[in-house]
Protein backbone atom coordinates (compact mmCIF):
# COMPACT_ATOMS: atom_id res chain seq x y z
CA UNK A 1 0.00 0.00 0.00
CA UNK A 2 1.40 3.37 -0.98
CA UNK A 3 0.51 6.24 1.34
CA UNK A 4 0.84 9.73 -0.04
CA UNK A 5 1.12 12.91 1.99
CA UNK A 6 -1.73 15.34 1.34
CA UNK A 7 -1.01 18.82 0.04
CA UNK A 8 -1.17 21.70 2.47
CA UNK A 9 -4.47 23.56 2.77
CA UNK A 10 -4.82 26.51 0.41
CA UNK A 11 -6.14 30.06 0.66
CA UNK A 12 -5.05 30.50 4.28
CA UNK A 13 -6.37 33.86 5.40
CA UNK A 14 -6.99 35.98 8.44
CA UNK A 15 -10.66 36.84 9.01
CA UNK A 16 -10.57 40.61 9.66
CA UNK A 17 -14.18 40.61 10.85
CA UNK A 18 -13.07 38.68 13.96
CA UNK A 19 -9.34 39.31 14.40
CA UNK A 20 -8.18 41.82 17.02
CA UNK A 21 -4.94 42.14 19.02
CA UNK A 22 -6.17 39.41 21.37
CA UNK A 23 -8.09 37.10 19.01
CA UNK A 24 -7.25 35.77 15.57
CA UNK A 25 -9.41 33.73 13.23
CA UNK A 26 -7.93 31.78 10.33
CA UNK A 27 -9.83 30.29 7.44
CA UNK A 28 -8.58 28.00 4.69
CA UNK A 29 -9.73 25.76 1.87
CA UNK A 30 -9.05 22.03 1.67
CA UNK A 31 -5.91 20.93 -0.16
CA UNK A 32 -6.00 20.27 -3.88
CA UNK A 33 -4.90 16.68 -3.16
CA UNK A 34 -5.82 14.66 -0.08
CA UNK A 35 -3.10 12.09 -0.77
CA UNK A 36 -5.67 9.42 -1.53
CA UNK A 37 -7.45 9.47 1.84
CA UNK A 38 -10.02 11.86 3.26
CA UNK A 39 -8.67 14.61 5.51
CA UNK A 40 -10.02 13.82 8.98
CA UNK A 41 -8.70 16.85 10.86
CA UNK A 42 -6.24 19.74 10.82
CA UNK A 43 -3.58 20.91 13.25
CA UNK A 44 -2.92 24.65 13.58
CA UNK A 45 0.60 25.71 14.54
CA UNK A 46 2.43 29.02 14.55
CA UNK A 47 6.00 30.16 14.79
CA UNK A 48 7.60 33.52 15.32
CA UNK A 49 10.78 32.85 13.38
CA UNK A 50 11.85 31.13 10.20
CA UNK A 51 13.00 27.59 10.81
CA UNK A 52 11.16 27.18 14.10
CA UNK A 53 9.16 23.95 14.29
CA UNK A 54 6.20 25.89 15.62
CA UNK A 55 3.91 25.81 18.59
CA UNK A 56 0.76 23.73 18.33
CA UNK A 57 -2.34 25.82 18.99
CA UNK A 58 -4.95 23.14 18.35
CA UNK A 59 -5.25 19.62 16.98
CA UNK A 60 -8.31 17.73 15.80
CA UNK A 61 -9.91 20.65 13.94
CA UNK A 62 -12.57 19.26 11.64
CA UNK A 63 -13.69 22.56 10.10
CA UNK A 64 -11.81 24.88 7.72
CA UNK A 65 -11.47 27.67 10.27
CA UNK A 66 -9.99 28.22 13.71
CA UNK A 67 -10.25 31.05 16.23
CA UNK A 68 -7.56 31.50 18.89
CA UNK A 69 -7.16 33.89 21.79
CA UNK A 70 -3.41 34.18 21.18
CA UNK A 71 -2.07 37.69 21.73
CA UNK A 72 -0.86 39.23 18.49
CA UNK A 73 2.07 41.60 18.98
CA UNK A 74 2.59 44.46 16.54
CA UNK A 75 5.72 44.39 14.43
CA UNK A 76 6.12 40.60 14.59
CA UNK A 77 5.84 38.13 11.75
CA UNK A 78 3.87 34.98 12.48
C-alpha atoms as a PDB file:
ATOM      1  CA  UNK A   1       0.000   0.000   0.000  1.00  0.00           C
ATOM      2  CA  UNK A   2       1.399   3.370  -0.975  1.00  0.00           C
ATOM      3  CA  UNK A   3       0.514   6.237   1.338  1.00  0.00           C
ATOM      4  CA  UNK A   4       0.845   9.734  -0.041  1.00  0.00           C
ATOM      5  CA  UNK A   5       1.119  12.912   1.990  1.00  0.00           C
ATOM      6  CA  UNK A   6      -1.730  15.338   1.337  1.00  0.00           C
ATOM      7  CA  UNK A   7      -1.007  18.816   0.038  1.00  0.00           C
ATOM      8  CA  UNK A   8      -1.172  21.699   2.473  1.00  0.00           C
ATOM      9  CA  UNK A   9      -4.468  23.555   2.771  1.00  0.00           C
ATOM     10  CA  UNK A  10      -4.816  26.507   0.410  1.00  0.00           C
ATOM     11  CA  UNK A  11      -6.140  30.063   0.659  1.00  0.00           C
ATOM     12  CA  UNK A  12      -5.051  30.500   4.281  1.00  0.00           C
ATOM     13  CA  UNK A  13      -6.366  33.856   5.404  1.00  0.00           C
ATOM     14  CA  UNK A  14      -6.990  35.975   8.443  1.00  0.00           C
ATOM     15  CA  UNK A  15     -10.657  36.840   9.010  1.00  0.00           C
ATOM     16  CA  UNK A  16     -10.565  40.607   9.657  1.00  0.00           C
ATOM     17  CA  UNK A  17     -14.182  40.613  10.852  1.00  0.00           C
ATOM     18  CA  UNK A  18     -13.074  38.677  13.958  1.00  0.00           C
ATOM     19  CA  UNK A  19      -9.341  39.314  14.397  1.00  0.00           C
ATOM     20  CA  UNK A  20      -8.179  41.821  17.016  1.00  0.00           C
ATOM     21  CA  UNK A  21      -4.939  42.138  19.016  1.00  0.00           C
ATOM     22  CA  UNK A  22      -6.172  39.409  21.366  1.00  0.00           C
ATOM     23  CA  UNK A  23      -8.085  37.097  19.008  1.00  0.00           C
ATOM     24  CA  UNK A  24      -7.245  35.771  15.569  1.00  0.00           C
ATOM     25  CA  UNK A  25      -9.407  33.734  13.230  1.00  0.00           C
ATOM     26  CA  UNK A  26      -7.926  31.782  10.330  1.00  0.00           C
ATOM     27  CA  UNK A  27      -9.832  30.292   7.445  1.00  0.00           C
ATOM     28  CA  UNK A  28      -8.584  28.001   4.689  1.00  0.00           C
ATOM     29  CA  UNK A  29      -9.731  25.760   1.867  1.00  0.00           C
ATOM     30  CA  UNK A  30      -9.048  22.030   1.671  1.00  0.00           C
ATOM     31  CA  UNK A  31      -5.914  20.933  -0.163  1.00  0.00           C
ATOM     32  CA  UNK A  32      -5.995  20.272  -3.884  1.00  0.00           C
ATOM     33  CA  UNK A  33      -4.898  16.684  -3.160  1.00  0.00           C
ATOM     34  CA  UNK A  34      -5.824  14.661  -0.078  1.00  0.00           C
ATOM     35  CA  UNK A  35      -3.099  12.093  -0.767  1.00  0.00           C
ATOM     36  CA  UNK A  36      -5.671   9.421  -1.527  1.00  0.00           C
ATOM     37  CA  UNK A  37      -7.448   9.468   1.842  1.00  0.00           C
ATOM     38  CA  UNK A  38     -10.016  11.864   3.260  1.00  0.00           C
ATOM     39  CA  UNK A  39      -8.667  14.612   5.511  1.00  0.00           C
ATOM     40  CA  UNK A  40     -10.021  13.820   8.981  1.00  0.00           C
ATOM     41  CA  UNK A  41      -8.698  16.850  10.861  1.00  0.00           C
ATOM     42  CA  UNK A  42      -6.237  19.735  10.819  1.00  0.00           C
ATOM     43  CA  UNK A  43      -3.578  20.906  13.254  1.00  0.00           C
ATOM     44  CA  UNK A  44      -2.916  24.645  13.581  1.00  0.00           C
ATOM     45  CA  UNK A  45       0.602  25.713  14.543  1.00  0.00           C
ATOM     46  CA  UNK A  46       2.429  29.019  14.551  1.00  0.00           C
ATOM     47  CA  UNK A  47       5.997  30.163  14.791  1.00  0.00           C
ATOM     48  CA  UNK A  48       7.599  33.524  15.318  1.00  0.00           C
ATOM     49  CA  UNK A  49      10.777  32.854  13.382  1.00  0.00           C
ATOM     50  CA  UNK A  50      11.854  31.131  10.202  1.00  0.00           C
ATOM     51  CA  UNK A  51      13.001  27.590  10.813  1.00  0.00           C
ATOM     52  CA  UNK A  52      11.160  27.182  14.102  1.00  0.00           C
ATOM     53  CA  UNK A  53       9.165  23.947  14.287  1.00  0.00           C
ATOM     54  CA  UNK A  54       6.203  25.886  15.621  1.00  0.00           C
ATOM     55  CA  UNK A  55       3.911  25.806  18.589  1.00  0.00           C
ATOM     56  CA  UNK A  56       0.762  23.725  18.328  1.00  0.00           C
ATOM     57  CA  UNK A  57      -2.336  25.825  18.988  1.00  0.00           C
ATOM     58  CA  UNK A  58      -4.949  23.142  18.354  1.00  0.00           C
ATOM     59  CA  UNK A  59      -5.254  19.620  16.984  1.00  0.00           C
ATOM     60  CA  UNK A  60      -8.305  17.728  15.804  1.00  0.00           C
ATOM     61  CA  UNK A  61      -9.912  20.653  13.941  1.00  0.00           C
ATOM     62  CA  UNK A  62     -12.573  19.259  11.636  1.00  0.00           C
ATOM     63  CA  UNK A  63     -13.691  22.561  10.103  1.00  0.00           C
ATOM     64  CA  UNK A  64     -11.815  24.880   7.722  1.00  0.00           C
ATOM     65  CA  UNK A  65     -11.471  27.671  10.274  1.00  0.00           C
ATOM     66  CA  UNK A  66      -9.995  28.216  13.706  1.00  0.00           C
ATOM     67  CA  UNK A  67     -10.248  31.047  16.234  1.00  0.00           C
ATOM     68  CA  UNK A  68      -7.557  31.499  18.894  1.00  0.00           C
ATOM     69  CA  UNK A  69      -7.162  33.885  21.788  1.00  0.00           C
ATOM     70  CA  UNK A  70      -3.414  34.183  21.183  1.00  0.00           C
ATOM     71  CA  UNK A  71      -2.066  37.690  21.732  1.00  0.00           C
ATOM     72  CA  UNK A  72      -0.863  39.232  18.487  1.00  0.00           C
ATOM     73  CA  UNK A  73       2.072  41.599  18.985  1.00  0.00           C
ATOM     74  CA  UNK A  74       2.587  44.464  16.538  1.00  0.00           C
ATOM     75  CA  UNK A  75       5.719  44.390  14.434  1.00  0.00           C
ATOM     76  CA  UNK A  76       6.121  40.600  14.591  1.00  0.00           C
ATOM     77  CA  UNK A  77       5.844  38.130  11.755  1.00  0.00           C
ATOM     78  CA  UNK A  78       3.874  34.985  12.478  1.00  0.00           C
END
